[in-house]
Amino acid sequence: MSRLTKIMLDMLFINSVASALFLTGMVDVSDVPGLYVVFPLAAVFYGLFLVCLALDKEVAAFDADEHTHHDYAAPLEHPHNVESLHNHEHREPVAA
């Protein structure tokens, strides 16, 4: 898991615990209605966690693909390598 995914998981856990404390009555928040925002925030962080978790695999696949393309493009970065590639492409076939 990436750092962002772990942060979303942590925030989900914190908001879920706070919601459970408020719902069970262990912490009385009836005087502060603004604290009831943790109920929907737990759902929001759950959704963000799932999105981050799904995108982690896609980002890893994209990075691997870009690394592969970079490995194939590396010989073309130097001019002397380009000349040697052109020389190999235009060679006449050797008759046997």
Protein backbone atom coordinates (compact mmCIF):
# COMPACT_ATOMS: atom_id res chain seq x y z
CA MET A 1 0.00 0.00 0.00
CA SER A 2 1.14 3.49 -0.78
CA ARG A 3 1.45 6.25 1.77
CA LEU A 4 -1.81 7.89 0.68
CA THR A 5 -3.70 4.60 0.99
CA LYS A 6 -2.37 4.12 4.51
CA ILE A 7 -3.42 7.66 5.44
CA MET A 8 -6.95 7.01 4.15
CA LEU A 9 -7.07 3.76 6.11
CA ASP A 10 -5.93 5.54 9.27
CA MET A 11 -8.51 8.29 8.82
CA LEU A 12 -11.20 5.67 8.22
CA PHE A 13 -10.23 3.88 11.42
CA ILE A 14 -10.16 7.08 13.49
CA ASN A 15 -13.55 8.24 12.21
CA SER A 16 -15.08 4.78 12.65
CA VAL A 17 -13.90 4.58 16.26
CA ALA A 18 -15.18 8.09 16.96
CA SER A 19 -18.53 7.22 15.39
CA ALA A 20 -18.78 4.06 17.48
CA LEU A 21 -18.01 6.03 20.65
CA PHE A 22 -20.67 8.60 19.81
CA LEU A 23 -23.30 5.99 18.91
CA THR A 24 -22.79 3.86 22.02
CA GLY A 25 -23.05 6.88 24.29
CA MET A 26 -19.59 6.45 25.78
CA VAL A 27 -18.90 10.03 24.72
CA ASP A 28 -21.77 12.48 25.04
CA VAL A 29 -21.78 14.84 22.07
CA SER A 30 -25.39 15.96 22.24
CA ASP A 31 -24.22 19.46 23.21
CA VAL A 32 -21.89 19.74 20.20
CA PRO A 33 -23.84 18.84 17.05
CA GLY A 34 -20.86 19.70 14.84
CA LEU A 35 -19.12 16.52 15.97
CA TYR A 36 -21.74 14.46 14.19
CA VAL A 37 -19.81 15.16 11.01
CA VAL A 38 -17.68 12.07 11.77
CA PHE A 39 -20.54 9.79 10.64
CA PRO A 40 -20.42 10.79 6.97
CA LEU A 41 -16.67 11.34 7.11
CA ALA A 42 -16.16 7.67 7.92
CA ALA A 43 -18.06 6.77 4.75
CA VAL A 44 -16.11 9.32 2.70
CA PHE A 45 -12.76 8.00 3.91
CA TYR A 46 -13.92 4.44 3.24
CA GLY A 47 -14.67 5.40 -0.37
CA LEU A 48 -11.36 7.22 -0.74
CA PHE A 49 -9.53 4.23 0.73
CA LEU A 50 -11.14 1.90 -1.81
CA VAL A 51 -10.30 4.24 -4.69
CA CYS A 52 -6.68 4.55 -3.54
CA LEU A 53 -6.42 0.80 -3.09
CA ALA A 54 -7.75 0.17 -6.60
CA LEU A 55 -5.49 2.79 -8.15
CA ASP A 56 -2.37 1.44 -6.42
CA LYS A 57 -2.42 -1.57 -8.73
CA GLU A 58 -3.00 0.60 -11.79
CA VAL A 59 -0.18 2.98 -10.85
CA ALA A 60 2.18 0.04 -10.30
CA ALA A 61 1.28 -1.39 -13.71
CA PHE A 62 1.74 2.02 -15.35
CA ASP A 63 5.13 2.51 -13.68
CA ALA A 64 6.27 -0.93 -14.85
CA ASP A 65 5.10 -0.14 -18.39
CA GLU A 66 6.86 3.23 -18.40
CA HIS A 67 10.03 1.59 -17.07
CA THR A 68 9.87 -0.94 -19.92
CA HIS A 69 9.43 1.83 -22.50
CA HIS A 70 12.30 3.75 -20.95
CA ASP A 71 14.56 0.69 -21.20
CA TYR A 72 13.78 0.35 -24.92
CA ALA A 73 14.24 4.07 -25.54
CA ALA A 74 17.55 4.30 -23.64
CA PRO A 75 19.76 3.44 -26.67
CA LEU A 76 18.12 6.27 -28.63
CA GLU A 77 19.12 8.91 -26.08
CA HIS A 78 22.75 9.02 -27.26
CA PRO A 79 23.54 10.16 -30.84
CA HIS A 80 26.26 7.56 -31.41
CA ASN A 81 23.78 4.82 -30.59
CA VAL A 82 21.30 6.22 -33.11
CA GLU A 83 23.92 6.10 -35.85
CA SER A 84 24.75 2.50 -35.04
CA LEU A 85 21.06 1.61 -35.13
CA HIS A 86 20.67 3.25 -38.55
CA ASN A 87 23.71 1.40 -39.85
CA HIS A 88 22.22 -1.93 -38.77
CA GLU A 89 18.86 -1.16 -40.34
CA HIS A 90 20.21 -0.35 -43.82
CA ARG A 91 22.68 -3.19 -44.23
CA GLU A 92 22.41 -5.25 -47.34
CA PRO A 93 21.65 -8.91 -46.73
CA VAL A 94 24.68 -11.11 -47.14
CA ALA A 95 24.32 -13.64 -49.92
CA ALA A 96 25.26 -17.15 -48.99
